Protein backbone atom coordinates (compact mmCIF):
# COMPACT_ATOMS: atom_id res chain seq x y z
CA MET A 1 116.78 86.71 142.84
CA GLU A 2 113.52 88.31 144.63
CA ARG A 3 114.14 91.50 142.75
CA ILE A 4 113.38 89.33 139.24
CA ASN A 5 109.95 89.96 139.26
CA GLN A 6 110.52 94.16 139.86
CA ILE A 7 113.48 93.83 137.30
CA ILE A 8 110.36 92.15 134.39
CA GLU A 9 107.83 94.79 135.29
CA GLN A 10 110.49 97.48 134.40
CA LEU A 11 111.53 96.13 131.15
CA GLY A 12 107.97 97.20 129.09
CA LEU A 13 108.15 93.39 127.61
CA GLU A 14 104.69 94.47 126.54
CA ALA A 15 105.68 97.54 124.37
CA ASN A 16 104.75 96.95 120.66
CA LEU A 17 103.54 99.39 118.60
CA ALA A 18 100.05 98.56 117.90
CA LEU A 19 97.76 98.71 114.53
CA GLU A 20 95.55 101.26 115.89
CA GLU A 21 98.28 103.23 117.47
CA ILE A 22 99.67 103.77 113.57
CA PRO A 23 98.38 106.88 112.09
CA GLN A 24 96.43 106.58 108.79
CA LEU A 25 98.25 109.14 107.57
CA ASP A 26 101.62 109.13 106.31
CA LEU A 27 104.18 110.35 108.39
CA TYR A 28 107.52 112.61 108.44
CA MET A 29 110.56 111.54 109.75
CA ASP A 30 110.50 113.81 112.98
CA GLN A 31 106.59 112.32 113.60
CA VAL A 32 108.11 108.46 113.11
CA ILE A 33 110.75 109.34 115.31
CA GLN A 34 108.34 110.87 118.12
CA LEU A 35 105.89 108.32 118.08
CA PHE A 36 108.71 105.32 118.20
CA GLU A 37 110.35 107.16 121.43
CA ASN A 38 107.10 107.35 123.14
CA LYS A 39 105.80 103.87 122.49
CA PHE A 40 108.97 102.15 123.09
CA MET A 41 110.55 104.84 125.97
CA GLU A 42 110.10 102.07 128.68
CA SER A 43 111.91 99.34 126.65
CA LYS A 44 115.25 101.43 126.93
CA ARG A 45 118.37 100.27 129.25
CA ASN A 46 119.47 103.73 129.74
CA GLU A 47 117.51 107.12 129.57
CA ASP A 48 119.87 108.54 126.86
CA ASP A 49 119.10 105.47 124.34
CA LYS A 50 117.64 106.47 121.38
CA VAL A 51 114.92 103.84 119.82
CA LEU A 52 115.16 105.54 116.49
CA THR A 53 117.30 108.37 114.95
CA LYS A 54 117.52 110.05 111.42
CA THR A 55 120.57 108.24 110.71
CA MET A 56 119.10 104.66 111.86
CA ILE A 57 116.19 105.38 109.42
CA ASN A 58 118.30 106.52 106.51
CA ASN A 59 120.47 103.43 107.30
CA TYR A 60 117.37 101.25 107.04
CA ALA A 61 116.41 102.86 103.48
CA LYS A 62 119.81 102.88 101.92
CA GLY A 63 120.41 99.36 103.08
CA LYS A 64 117.09 98.57 101.68
CA LEU A 65 115.69 96.97 104.78
CA ILE A 66 112.38 98.88 103.88
CA PHE A 67 110.89 99.67 100.58
CA PRO A 68 110.86 103.05 99.06
CA ILE A 69 109.26 105.91 100.79
CA GLN A 70 107.39 108.54 99.03
CA ASN A 71 107.58 112.56 99.55
CA LYS A 72 109.87 112.16 102.35
CA LYS A 73 106.41 110.93 104.26
CA TYR A 74 106.64 107.09 105.78
CA SER A 75 103.48 104.86 105.25
CA LYS A 76 101.54 102.21 107.89
CA GLU A 77 103.58 99.84 106.03
CA HIS A 78 107.05 101.78 106.73
CA LEU A 79 106.45 102.09 110.51
CA ILE A 80 104.98 98.05 110.61
CA LEU A 81 108.49 97.41 108.74
CA MET A 82 110.38 99.63 111.42
CA SER A 83 108.63 98.01 113.99
CA LEU A 84 110.03 94.65 113.26
CA ILE A 85 113.45 96.13 112.48
CA TYR A 86 113.32 97.19 115.96
CA GLN A 87 112.60 94.21 117.24
CA LEU A 88 114.99 92.17 115.32
CA LYS A 89 117.61 94.16 115.99
CA GLY A 90 118.42 93.18 119.31
CA ALA A 91 119.41 89.85 118.40
CA LEU A 92 120.23 89.93 114.31
CA SER A 93 122.64 91.82 112.13
CA ILE A 94 121.58 94.60 110.16
CA ASN A 95 122.44 91.93 107.26
CA ASP A 96 120.68 89.44 108.62
CA ILE A 97 117.26 91.80 108.97
CA LYS A 98 117.85 92.73 105.54
CA THR A 99 117.35 88.78 104.41
CA THR A 100 114.76 88.28 106.59
CA LEU A 101 112.65 91.32 105.45
CA ALA A 102 113.40 91.43 101.95
CA GLY A 103 110.57 89.13 100.83
CA ILE A 104 108.28 90.93 102.56
CA ASN A 105 109.07 94.13 101.42
CA GLN A 106 108.78 92.65 97.82
CA LYS A 107 105.37 91.46 98.52
CA ILE A 108 104.08 95.14 99.90
CA ILE A 109 105.91 96.38 96.56
CA ASN A 110 103.74 93.68 94.57
CA GLU A 111 100.83 94.31 96.75
CA GLU A 112 100.95 90.37 97.68
CA ILE A 113 100.41 90.64 101.61
CA ASP A 114 98.05 91.26 103.95
CA LEU A 115 100.61 93.32 106.15
CA HIS A 116 98.13 94.08 108.29
CA ALA A 117 97.16 90.61 108.99
CA PHE A 118 101.16 89.55 109.31
CA TYR A 119 101.47 92.03 111.86
CA THR A 120 98.09 91.35 113.71
CA SER A 121 99.85 87.11 114.30
CA TYR A 122 103.25 88.82 115.12
CA LEU A 123 101.67 90.73 117.77
CA HIS A 124 99.82 88.10 118.94
CA LEU A 125 102.71 85.81 119.24
CA THR A 126 104.74 88.91 120.96
CA ARG A 127 102.19 88.92 123.48
CA GLN A 128 101.99 84.69 123.94
CA ASN A 129 106.19 84.98 123.79
CA VAL A 130 105.90 87.74 127.16
CA GLU A 131 103.44 85.14 128.88
CA ASP A 132 106.04 82.21 128.27
CA PHE A 133 108.97 84.08 129.39
CA LYS A 134 107.55 85.37 132.65
CA VAL A 135 106.95 81.51 133.26
CA ASP A 136 110.54 80.31 132.10
CA ILE A 137 112.10 82.80 133.96
CA GLU A 138 110.40 81.37 137.48
CA GLU A 139 111.63 78.04 136.61
CA ARG A 140 115.16 79.83 135.95
CA VAL A 141 115.31 81.34 139.32
CA THR A 142 114.01 77.94 141.05
CA ASP A 143 117.04 76.27 138.92
CA VAL A 144 119.51 79.10 140.01
CA ASN A 145 118.73 78.61 143.66
CA GLU A 146 118.79 74.89 143.64
CA GLU A 147 122.57 75.23 142.15
CA ILE A 148 124.20 77.13 144.92
CA SER A 149 125.16 74.63 147.28
CA GLY A 150 125.64 74.81 150.84
CA ASP A 151 129.85 75.75 151.05
CA GLU A 152 128.05 79.18 148.62
CA LYS A 153 125.86 80.21 150.52
CA GLY A 154 127.59 82.88 152.23
CA ASN A 155 128.28 84.67 148.28
CA SER A 156 124.65 83.27 147.29
CA PRO A 157 123.15 86.55 146.13
CA TYR A 158 125.99 87.33 144.04
CA LEU A 159 126.29 84.18 142.71
CA GLU A 160 122.78 83.49 141.98
CA LYS A 161 123.20 86.54 140.42
CA VAL A 162 125.94 85.44 138.21
CA LEU A 163 124.60 82.39 137.26
CA MET A 164 121.32 83.44 136.38
CA ILE A 165 122.97 86.12 133.91
CA SER A 166 125.17 83.10 132.49
CA SER A 167 122.09 80.99 132.28
CA LEU A 168 119.99 84.01 130.29
CA VAL A 169 122.75 84.81 127.96
CA HIS A 170 123.00 81.16 127.26
CA MET A 171 119.05 80.74 126.20
CA SER A 172 119.44 84.08 124.27
CA ASN A 173 122.44 82.57 122.54
CA LEU A 174 120.68 79.41 121.77
CA TYR A 175 117.31 81.28 120.40
CA ARG A 176 119.43 83.48 118.32
CA LYS A 177 121.29 80.68 116.88
CA VAL A 178 118.32 79.09 115.48
CA ALA A 179 117.33 82.19 114.11
CA GLU A 180 120.08 82.63 112.45
CA LYS A 181 119.94 79.66 111.12
CA LEU A 182 116.68 79.80 109.60
CA VAL A 183 118.19 83.29 108.40
CA ASP A 184 120.47 81.16 106.51
CA GLU A 185 117.75 79.04 104.81
CA ILE A 186 116.29 81.77 103.61
CA ILE A 187 119.44 82.95 101.59
CA VAL A 188 119.80 79.37 100.38
CA GLN A 189 116.46 79.26 99.06
CA LYS A 190 116.89 82.77 97.37
CA GLU A 191 120.13 81.48 95.57
CA GLU A 192 118.27 78.34 94.43
CA LYS A 193 115.73 80.53 93.02
CA ARG A 194 118.29 82.48 91.58
CA HIS A 195 119.90 79.33 89.54
CA LYS A 196 116.74 78.08 88.35
């Protein structure tokens, strides 16, 4: 498990689209795709993976994950939403993302949100999450090493990896389940408002 720090360094965990990196001018789809490819290149699992494609953007628009575009150009607000979608789709379904972002989209349309302040808070939390993650992963490595008994020492590098993978996936599932329950609460609240 000594490679875990090397793996973490290769993940591009700090990759996020900062507000100052988003042009003030609206962008065409190809420019949006290029911006996301350049920014999130390190976070791809495989070199051939695409961060964002025309099909994805069109699906986000058709599925109403982002508010309507004007003149085939995407505003700074669209790019912020696409950055959020990029992060959310690692754990949530497209329907859950739509539910999560529907209120924000409506607030953008109604001009009831300071999206830049909201996104700045999001970026602050992601930076803190990365720091917390690095501490947590070290603790997990220690826990896994302690779980390998003397009888298993001959197979320990392989068994350590399997235990580590299992532990990480389990933690991921726990976080995802809590996120899904929060999405469900948004759905319940919408239904309650609709029936009033």
